Amino acid sequence: MPLALVALAIGAFGIGTTEFVIMGLLPEIAADFGVSIPSAGLLVTGYALGVVAGAPVMTILGTKINRKTMLMLLMGLFIAGNLLSAVAPAFGVMLSGRIVASLAHGAFFGIGSVVAAELVAPDKRAGAIAIMFTGLTVANIVGVPLGTFVGQAVGWRVTFGIVAALGVVGLVGVAKLVPDLPRPEGAHLRKELAAFRNVQVVLAMAMTVLGFGGVFAAITYIAPMMTEIAGYSSGAVTWLLVLFGIGMFLGNLTGGRFADRKLMPMLYVSLGGLAIVLALFTVTAHSKILAAATILLIGALGFATVPPLQKRVLDQAHGAPTLASVVNIGAFNLGNALSAWLGGVVISAGFGYTAPNWVGAALAGSALGLAVLSAALERRPRVAAPEPLVQH
């Protein structure tokens, strides 16, 4: 395994920690700033929208910079955003810090996916992408629970200070271990944009928005759902997030392994299973044991979609993968933003803390439908152009 993959995983660990730790700290942050839980959910939505907007913009700005330098600059931006969140005197400033940090997220994972894929043989690409994303999943096993524990015990500001320090470690890792890969010859923005005319690229991104969005519909509000519905104490949210992280870790590796063999069947199983489990979560959330088991399954099935979806975009955008890869990372977070917002809407409408699970089930089911459509279009025979008539 190339050491550069380890460096990318380190950066992913820091980014994953700041992305997901907010879920376990929503009640504390809401209380500190005097806002409601749905309003505090804007910290999730704002971060996700920042990823969506920042991913293509940062990539376009970095078209004349080699990929290693760009990854280092992105980690610097991530550090600055988390420091701003740590010292924020008001909710608006906190939201601004989240958005600043988010600008690095999409481009880091998108460019990192391309670098990871280039470091290995073609038949190992999904596995290499999965190794990089392992940092994100391990963050949910170690970084997020510890950050939640520290935030609840000492204060959420300390958590974001620690996250900024993780960013420094990620920056050093990229500087020391990622090679100076040359920019591809003939790479230019027009060629990168042309990839979006491929309907399969668009469908893969739509699957990303809806499928992974289903995960965030439930997980964004896991703290109030587990304390108010399942009957857990606020301190128990920490180990519940560990279960979610373990599920993510297992699902990510499984998705990477099988996507290199049977990509579309892997998507059918993971998206279909995710839709079913999210629907069941409206019932299992009322039981401590069943709720814990369901959270594990949501993490596993949700992240089993990540390597195959990212690989499908890279495969379909062959020849110009960088911008498509980055935009697909933004698509993950567009789904996060959409589902977090919809989850807040149904809670505010009085449907209760389990209502976001129905939103997630509907989103994941829609993604499965798009996967079936994508495969059907791919199997459809192409009609050859008619031969010109010959005048006699």
Protein backbone atom coordinates (compact mmCIF):
# COMPACT_ATOMS: atom_id res chain seq x y z
CA MET A 1 0.00 0.00 0.00
CA PRO A 2 1.50 3.39 -1.00
CA LEU A 3 2.26 5.59 2.00
CA ALA A 4 0.54 8.46 0.20
CA LEU A 5 -2.76 6.68 0.89
CA VAL A 6 -1.95 6.85 4.61
CA ALA A 7 -1.38 10.60 4.32
CA LEU A 8 -4.69 11.06 2.56
CA ALA A 9 -6.41 8.97 5.24
CA ILE A 10 -4.89 11.21 7.94
CA GLY A 11 -6.34 14.30 6.28
CA ALA A 12 -9.66 12.51 5.88
CA PHE A 13 -9.61 11.70 9.60
CA GLY A 14 -9.45 15.37 10.56
CA ILE A 15 -12.11 16.41 8.06
CA GLY A 16 -14.37 13.53 9.07
CA THR A 17 -14.10 14.50 12.72
CA THR A 18 -15.23 18.08 12.18
CA GLU A 19 -18.02 17.04 9.81
CA PHE A 20 -19.65 14.50 12.10
CA VAL A 21 -18.79 15.68 15.65
CA ILE A 22 -21.34 18.46 15.34
CA MET A 23 -24.20 15.92 15.53
CA GLY A 24 -23.30 14.82 19.04
CA LEU A 25 -22.87 18.40 20.24
CA LEU A 26 -26.00 20.03 18.80
CA PRO A 27 -27.82 20.25 22.17
CA GLU A 28 -24.81 21.87 23.89
CA ILE A 29 -24.19 24.35 21.08
CA ALA A 30 -27.89 25.21 20.83
CA ALA A 31 -28.07 25.85 24.57
CA ASP A 32 -24.88 27.94 24.57
CA PHE A 33 -26.10 30.25 21.79
CA GLY A 34 -29.74 30.20 22.87
CA VAL A 35 -31.12 28.72 19.64
CA SER A 36 -33.44 25.77 18.96
CA ILE A 37 -32.23 22.32 17.91
CA PRO A 38 -33.56 22.75 14.33
CA SER A 39 -31.77 26.12 14.15
CA ALA A 40 -28.55 24.54 15.41
CA GLY A 41 -29.02 21.99 12.61
CA LEU A 42 -28.07 24.83 10.25
CA LEU A 43 -24.48 24.17 11.32
CA VAL A 44 -24.83 20.85 9.50
CA THR A 45 -26.69 22.32 6.54
CA GLY A 46 -24.32 25.28 6.24
CA TYR A 47 -21.27 23.04 6.31
CA ALA A 48 -22.77 20.77 3.65
CA LEU A 49 -23.72 23.67 1.38
CA GLY A 50 -20.22 25.09 1.81
CA VAL A 51 -18.83 21.80 0.54
CA VAL A 52 -21.17 21.87 -2.45
CA ALA A 53 -20.21 25.43 -3.40
CA GLY A 54 -16.56 25.23 -2.42
CA ALA A 55 -15.72 21.95 -4.14
CA PRO A 56 -15.85 23.12 -7.78
CA VAL A 57 -14.68 26.65 -6.97
CA MET A 58 -11.57 25.51 -5.10
CA THR A 59 -10.80 22.97 -7.82
CA ILE A 60 -11.08 25.54 -10.60
CA LEU A 61 -8.88 27.99 -8.65
CA GLY A 62 -6.33 25.21 -8.24
CA THR A 63 -6.16 24.15 -11.89
CA LYS A 64 -2.68 25.66 -12.28
CA ILE A 65 -1.34 24.15 -9.04
CA ASN A 66 -0.05 20.60 -8.66
CA ARG A 67 -2.28 18.33 -6.64
CA LYS A 68 0.02 18.00 -3.61
CA THR A 69 0.28 21.77 -3.15
CA MET A 70 -3.45 22.13 -3.54
CA LEU A 71 -4.11 19.48 -0.89
CA MET A 72 -1.80 21.34 1.51
CA LEU A 73 -3.55 24.66 0.89
CA LEU A 74 -6.91 23.01 1.50
CA MET A 75 -5.75 21.65 4.85
CA GLY A 76 -4.64 25.17 5.82
CA LEU A 77 -8.13 26.48 5.05
CA PHE A 78 -9.62 23.66 7.12
CA ILE A 79 -7.46 24.60 10.11
CA ALA A 80 -8.48 28.27 9.89
CA GLY A 81 -12.20 27.45 9.78
CA ASN A 82 -12.07 25.23 12.84
CA LEU A 83 -10.12 27.81 14.83
CA LEU A 84 -12.80 30.38 13.97
CA SER A 85 -15.51 27.97 15.19
CA ALA A 86 -13.62 27.38 18.42
CA VAL A 87 -13.54 31.09 19.36
CA ALA A 88 -16.91 32.12 17.86
CA PRO A 89 -18.66 34.70 20.13
CA ALA A 90 -22.04 34.31 18.36
CA PHE A 91 -23.96 31.69 16.41
CA GLY A 92 -23.44 33.54 13.11
CA VAL A 93 -19.68 33.51 13.60
CA MET A 94 -19.80 29.81 14.45
CA LEU A 95 -21.72 29.17 11.24
CA SER A 96 -19.14 31.19 9.31
CA GLY A 97 -16.33 29.10 10.75
CA ARG A 98 -18.13 25.92 9.70
CA ILE A 99 -18.50 27.26 6.16
CA VAL A 100 -14.82 28.27 5.94
CA ALA A 101 -13.76 24.77 7.02
CA SER A 102 -16.21 23.20 4.60
CA LEU A 103 -14.64 24.93 1.60
CA ALA A 104 -11.69 22.54 1.90
CA HIS A 105 -13.75 19.38 2.29
CA GLY A 106 -15.00 18.61 -1.21
CA ALA A 107 -11.84 19.51 -3.06
CA PHE A 108 -9.67 17.52 -0.63
CA PHE A 109 -11.69 14.33 -1.01
CA GLY A 110 -12.23 14.84 -4.74
CA ILE A 111 -8.59 15.52 -5.59
CA GLY A 112 -7.52 12.90 -3.05
CA SER A 113 -9.72 10.30 -4.78
CA VAL A 114 -8.03 11.00 -8.10
CA VAL A 115 -4.56 10.79 -6.52
CA ALA A 116 -5.45 7.54 -4.73
CA ALA A 117 -6.75 6.00 -7.97
CA GLU A 118 -3.59 7.00 -9.86
CA LEU A 119 -1.32 5.34 -7.30
CA VAL A 120 -2.65 1.80 -7.93
CA ALA A 121 -3.53 -0.55 -10.77
CA PRO A 122 -6.88 0.06 -12.54
CA ASP A 123 -8.52 -2.99 -10.94
CA LYS A 124 -7.64 -1.69 -7.45
CA ARG A 125 -9.01 1.83 -7.78
CA ALA A 126 -12.14 1.45 -5.64
CA GLY A 127 -10.05 -0.24 -2.95
CA ALA A 128 -7.56 2.64 -2.95
CA ILE A 129 -10.38 5.18 -2.67
CA ALA A 130 -11.80 3.13 0.20
CA ILE A 131 -8.44 3.28 2.02
CA MET A 132 -8.45 7.07 1.83
CA PHE A 133 -12.06 7.17 3.08
CA THR A 134 -11.04 4.85 5.91
CA GLY A 135 -9.72 7.98 7.62
CA LEU A 136 -13.23 9.39 7.51
CA THR A 137 -14.72 6.22 8.98
CA VAL A 138 -12.08 5.88 11.69
CA ALA A 139 -12.85 9.47 12.63
CA ASN A 140 -16.32 8.27 13.52
CA ILE A 141 -14.94 5.47 15.68
CA VAL A 142 -12.29 7.53 17.49
CA GLY A 143 -12.35 11.24 16.66
CA VAL A 144 -16.08 11.93 16.80
CA PRO A 145 -16.83 10.03 20.04
CA LEU A 146 -13.83 11.57 21.78
CA GLY A 147 -14.76 14.99 20.45
CA THR A 148 -18.31 14.52 21.68
CA PHE A 149 -17.10 13.38 25.10
CA VAL A 150 -14.72 16.32 25.41
CA GLY A 151 -17.38 18.74 24.20
CA GLN A 152 -19.90 17.51 26.75
CA ALA A 153 -17.39 17.31 29.62
CA VAL A 154 -15.20 20.39 29.04
CA GLY A 155 -16.93 22.43 26.35
CA TRP A 156 -17.54 22.20 22.62
CA ARG A 157 -15.00 24.99 21.94
CA VAL A 158 -12.22 22.72 23.16
CA THR A 159 -13.40 20.07 20.71
CA PHE A 160 -13.03 22.39 17.75
CA GLY A 161 -9.61 23.49 18.96
CA ILE A 162 -8.54 19.83 18.97
CA VAL A 163 -10.00 19.39 15.48
CA ALA A 164 -7.84 22.29 14.26
CA ALA A 165 -4.81 20.48 15.70
CA LEU A 166 -5.83 17.35 13.78
CA GLY A 167 -5.77 19.49 10.66
CA VAL A 168 -2.16 20.39 11.39
CA VAL A 169 -1.29 16.69 11.60
CA GLY A 170 -3.06 16.12 8.29
CA LEU A 171 -1.15 18.98 6.68
CA VAL A 172 2.19 17.55 7.80
CA GLY A 173 1.18 14.09 6.56
CA VAL A 174 0.36 15.37 3.09
CA ALA A 175 3.59 17.40 2.97
CA LYS A 176 5.75 14.43 3.94
CA LEU A 177 4.09 11.49 2.20
CA VAL A 178 2.16 12.55 -0.89
CA PRO A 179 4.39 12.60 -4.00
CA ASP A 180 4.58 15.57 -6.36
CA LEU A 181 2.38 14.10 -9.08
CA PRO A 182 2.61 16.10 -12.33
CA ARG A 183 -0.52 17.66 -13.73
CA PRO A 184 -1.94 15.51 -16.55
CA GLU A 185 -0.95 16.67 -20.02
CA GLY A 186 -3.78 18.26 -21.92
CA ALA A 187 -5.85 18.83 -18.79
CA HIS A 188 -7.95 21.97 -19.02
CA LEU A 189 -11.22 23.26 -17.64
CA ARG A 190 -13.21 22.83 -20.85
CA LYS A 191 -12.37 19.13 -20.99
CA GLU A 192 -13.27 18.68 -17.32
CA LEU A 193 -16.64 20.41 -17.83
CA ALA A 194 -17.40 18.21 -20.86
CA ALA A 195 -17.68 15.18 -18.55
CA PHE A 196 -20.95 16.59 -17.20
CA ARG A 197 -22.61 16.07 -20.59
CA ASN A 198 -22.45 12.32 -19.88
CA VAL A 199 -25.86 11.29 -18.53
CA GLN A 200 -24.25 8.46 -16.52
CA VAL A 201 -22.09 10.97 -14.64
CA VAL A 202 -25.17 13.05 -13.82
CA LEU A 203 -27.13 9.96 -12.71
CA ALA A 204 -24.27 8.80 -10.47
CA MET A 205 -24.17 12.22 -8.81
CA ALA A 206 -27.94 12.18 -8.32
CA MET A 207 -27.62 8.75 -6.67
CA THR A 208 -24.97 10.26 -4.40
CA VAL A 209 -27.21 13.17 -3.36
CA LEU A 210 -30.21 10.98 -2.57
CA GLY A 211 -28.48 7.87 -1.23
CA PHE A 212 -26.07 9.40 1.25
CA GLY A 213 -28.60 12.10 2.04
CA GLY A 214 -30.74 9.35 3.52
CA VAL A 215 -28.04 8.67 6.11
CA PHE A 216 -27.84 12.27 7.28
CA ALA A 217 -31.61 12.66 7.58
CA ALA A 218 -31.41 10.32 10.58
CA ILE A 219 -27.91 10.93 11.92
CA THR A 220 -28.13 14.73 12.07
CA TYR A 221 -30.73 14.45 14.83
CA ILE A 222 -29.36 11.33 16.52
CA ALA A 223 -28.66 13.12 19.84
CA PRO A 224 -32.21 14.38 20.51
CA MET A 225 -33.72 11.22 18.97
CA MET A 226 -31.77 8.91 21.27
CA THR A 227 -32.22 11.00 24.43
CA GLU A 228 -35.88 11.93 23.93
CA ILE A 229 -37.20 8.78 22.21
CA ALA A 230 -34.92 5.85 23.04
CA GLY A 231 -34.30 7.04 26.59
CA TYR A 232 -30.50 7.19 26.48
CA SER A 233 -28.56 9.69 28.57
CA SER A 234 -26.70 12.45 26.75
CA GLY A 235 -23.42 10.75 27.63
CA ALA A 236 -24.52 7.57 25.83
CA VAL A 237 -24.57 9.44 22.52
CA THR A 238 -20.78 9.09 22.48
CA TRP A 239 -20.74 5.30 22.23
CA LEU A 240 -23.71 5.32 19.87
CA LEU A 241 -21.57 7.41 17.53
CA VAL A 242 -18.83 4.79 17.97
CA LEU A 243 -21.29 2.17 16.71
CA PHE A 244 -22.13 4.39 13.75
CA GLY A 245 -18.42 4.80 13.02
CA ILE A 246 -17.79 1.05 13.22
CA GLY A 247 -20.60 0.53 10.74
CA MET A 248 -19.10 3.15 8.43
CA PHE A 249 -15.66 1.50 8.65
CA LEU A 250 -17.01 -1.96 7.79
CA GLY A 251 -19.33 -0.67 5.07
CA ASN A 252 -16.58 1.41 3.46
CA LEU A 253 -14.17 -1.53 3.19
CA THR A 254 -16.92 -3.86 1.98
CA GLY A 255 -18.07 -1.35 -0.62
CA GLY A 256 -14.51 -0.84 -1.86
CA ARG A 257 -13.87 -4.57 -2.12
CA PHE A 258 -17.02 -5.49 -4.02
CA ALA A 259 -17.17 -2.36 -6.18
CA ASP A 260 -14.00 -3.54 -7.94
CA ARG A 261 -15.89 -6.77 -8.77
CA LYS A 262 -19.61 -6.05 -9.14
CA LEU A 263 -20.22 -2.32 -8.85
CA MET A 264 -23.91 -2.00 -9.70
CA PRO A 265 -25.07 -5.05 -7.68
CA MET A 266 -23.18 -3.55 -4.72
CA LEU A 267 -25.21 -0.35 -5.13
CA TYR A 268 -28.51 -2.23 -5.39
CA VAL A 269 -27.88 -4.09 -2.14
CA SER A 270 -26.56 -1.13 -0.16
CA LEU A 271 -29.18 1.42 -1.29
CA GLY A 272 -32.08 -1.01 -0.97
CA GLY A 273 -30.95 -2.15 2.47
CA LEU A 274 -30.43 1.45 3.58
CA ALA A 275 -33.97 2.43 2.59
CA ILE A 276 -35.43 -0.49 4.54
CA VAL A 277 -33.32 0.08 7.66
CA LEU A 278 -34.09 3.81 7.77
CA ALA A 279 -37.81 3.08 7.55
CA LEU A 280 -37.49 0.56 10.38
CA PHE A 281 -35.61 3.14 12.49
CA THR A 282 -38.90 4.94 13.11
CA VAL A 283 -39.89 1.87 15.14
CA THR A 284 -36.54 0.66 16.51
CA ALA A 285 -35.74 4.16 17.83
CA HIS A 286 -38.12 3.40 20.71
CA SER A 287 -35.90 0.54 21.95
CA LYS A 288 -32.39 1.07 23.27
CA ILE A 289 -31.03 -2.24 21.96
CA LEU A 290 -32.76 -2.10 18.58
CA ALA A 291 -31.84 1.56 18.13
CA ALA A 292 -28.15 0.79 18.69
CA ALA A 293 -28.24 -2.09 16.19
CA THR A 294 -30.00 0.10 13.63
CA ILE A 295 -27.43 2.89 13.97
CA LEU A 296 -24.68 0.35 13.23
CA LEU A 297 -26.54 -0.83 10.11
CA ILE A 298 -27.16 2.72 8.88
CA GLY A 299 -23.44 3.44 9.07
CA ALA A 300 -22.54 0.19 7.28
CA LEU A 301 -25.09 0.42 4.48
CA GLY A 302 -24.64 4.16 4.03
CA PHE A 303 -20.87 4.02 3.62
CA ALA A 304 -20.98 0.88 1.48
CA THR A 305 -22.28 3.22 -1.23
CA VAL A 306 -19.32 5.64 -1.09
CA PRO A 307 -16.50 3.77 -2.95
CA PRO A 308 -18.78 2.44 -5.72
CA LEU A 309 -20.42 5.82 -6.31
CA GLN A 310 -17.07 7.62 -6.39
CA LYS A 311 -15.55 4.96 -8.68
CA ARG A 312 -18.54 5.09 -11.03
CA VAL A 313 -18.08 8.84 -11.47
CA LEU A 314 -14.35 8.38 -12.12
CA ASP A 315 -15.03 5.61 -14.64
CA GLN A 316 -17.73 7.51 -16.50
CA ALA A 317 -15.71 10.76 -16.53
CA HIS A 318 -12.59 9.00 -17.86
CA GLY A 319 -10.04 11.37 -19.32
CA ALA A 320 -11.23 14.31 -17.21
CA PRO A 321 -11.94 12.95 -13.74
CA THR A 322 -10.78 15.68 -11.34
CA LEU A 323 -13.68 18.14 -11.44
CA ALA A 324 -16.27 15.34 -11.70
CA SER A 325 -14.73 13.62 -8.67
CA VAL A 326 -14.73 16.83 -6.67
CA VAL A 327 -18.30 17.73 -7.63
CA ASN A 328 -19.42 14.24 -6.61
CA ILE A 329 -17.99 14.86 -3.13
CA GLY A 330 -20.07 18.03 -3.15
CA ALA A 331 -23.03 15.86 -4.14
CA PHE A 332 -22.59 13.80 -0.96
CA ASN A 333 -22.82 16.99 1.03
CA LEU A 334 -25.69 18.41 -1.01
CA GLY A 335 -27.56 15.30 0.10
CA ASN A 336 -26.45 16.00 3.68
CA ALA A 337 -27.72 19.57 3.49
CA LEU A 338 -31.01 18.60 1.87
CA SER A 339 -31.74 15.83 4.34
CA ALA A 340 -30.66 17.84 7.41
CA TRP A 341 -32.96 20.66 6.32
CA LEU A 342 -35.87 18.32 5.55
CA GLY A 343 -35.33 16.58 8.89
CA GLY A 344 -35.55 19.93 10.67
CA VAL A 345 -38.71 20.79 8.73
CA VAL A 346 -40.58 17.63 9.76
CA ILE A 347 -39.47 18.05 13.38
CA SER A 348 -40.57 21.70 13.43
CA ALA A 349 -43.89 20.65 11.88
CA GLY A 350 -44.57 18.55 14.96
CA PHE A 351 -44.01 15.05 13.52
CA GLY A 352 -41.46 14.18 16.22
CA TYR A 353 -37.79 13.28 16.34
CA THR A 354 -38.26 9.98 14.45
CA ALA A 355 -39.84 11.68 11.42
CA PRO A 356 -36.48 12.38 9.72
CA ASN A 357 -36.07 8.61 9.35
CA TRP A 358 -38.98 8.52 6.90
CA VAL A 359 -37.30 11.31 4.95
CA GLY A 360 -34.10 9.27 4.81
CA ALA A 361 -35.92 6.13 3.67
CA ALA A 362 -37.60 8.02 0.84
CA LEU A 363 -34.30 9.52 -0.31
CA ALA A 364 -32.46 6.18 -0.28
CA GLY A 365 -35.33 4.48 -2.12
CA SER A 366 -35.20 7.18 -4.79
CA ALA A 367 -31.45 6.60 -5.19
CA LEU A 368 -32.10 2.89 -5.73
CA GLY A 369 -34.55 3.77 -8.48
CA LEU A 370 -31.92 5.90 -10.19
CA ALA A 371 -29.39 3.05 -9.95
CA VAL A 372 -31.81 0.74 -11.74
CA LEU A 373 -32.44 3.41 -14.40
CA SER A 374 -28.70 3.99 -14.87
CA ALA A 375 -28.05 0.29 -15.41
CA ALA A 376 -30.96 0.03 -17.85
CA LEU A 377 -29.65 2.94 -19.92
CA GLU A 378 -26.19 1.41 -19.95
CA ARG A 379 -27.55 -1.90 -21.27
CA ARG A 380 -29.60 -0.21 -23.98
CA PRO A 381 -28.06 -0.95 -27.40
CA ARG A 382 -26.77 2.05 -29.25
CA VAL A 383 -28.40 2.70 -32.59
CA ALA A 384 -25.86 2.98 -35.37
CA ALA A 385 -26.01 6.05 -37.53
CA PRO A 386 -27.69 5.37 -40.91
CA GLU A 387 -25.38 5.01 -43.88
CA PRO A 388 -25.60 7.88 -46.35
CA LEU A 389 -27.65 7.26 -49.48
CA VAL A 390 -25.60 6.73 -52.64
CA GLN A 391 -26.79 8.47 -55.77
CA HIS A 392 -26.78 6.28 -58.90
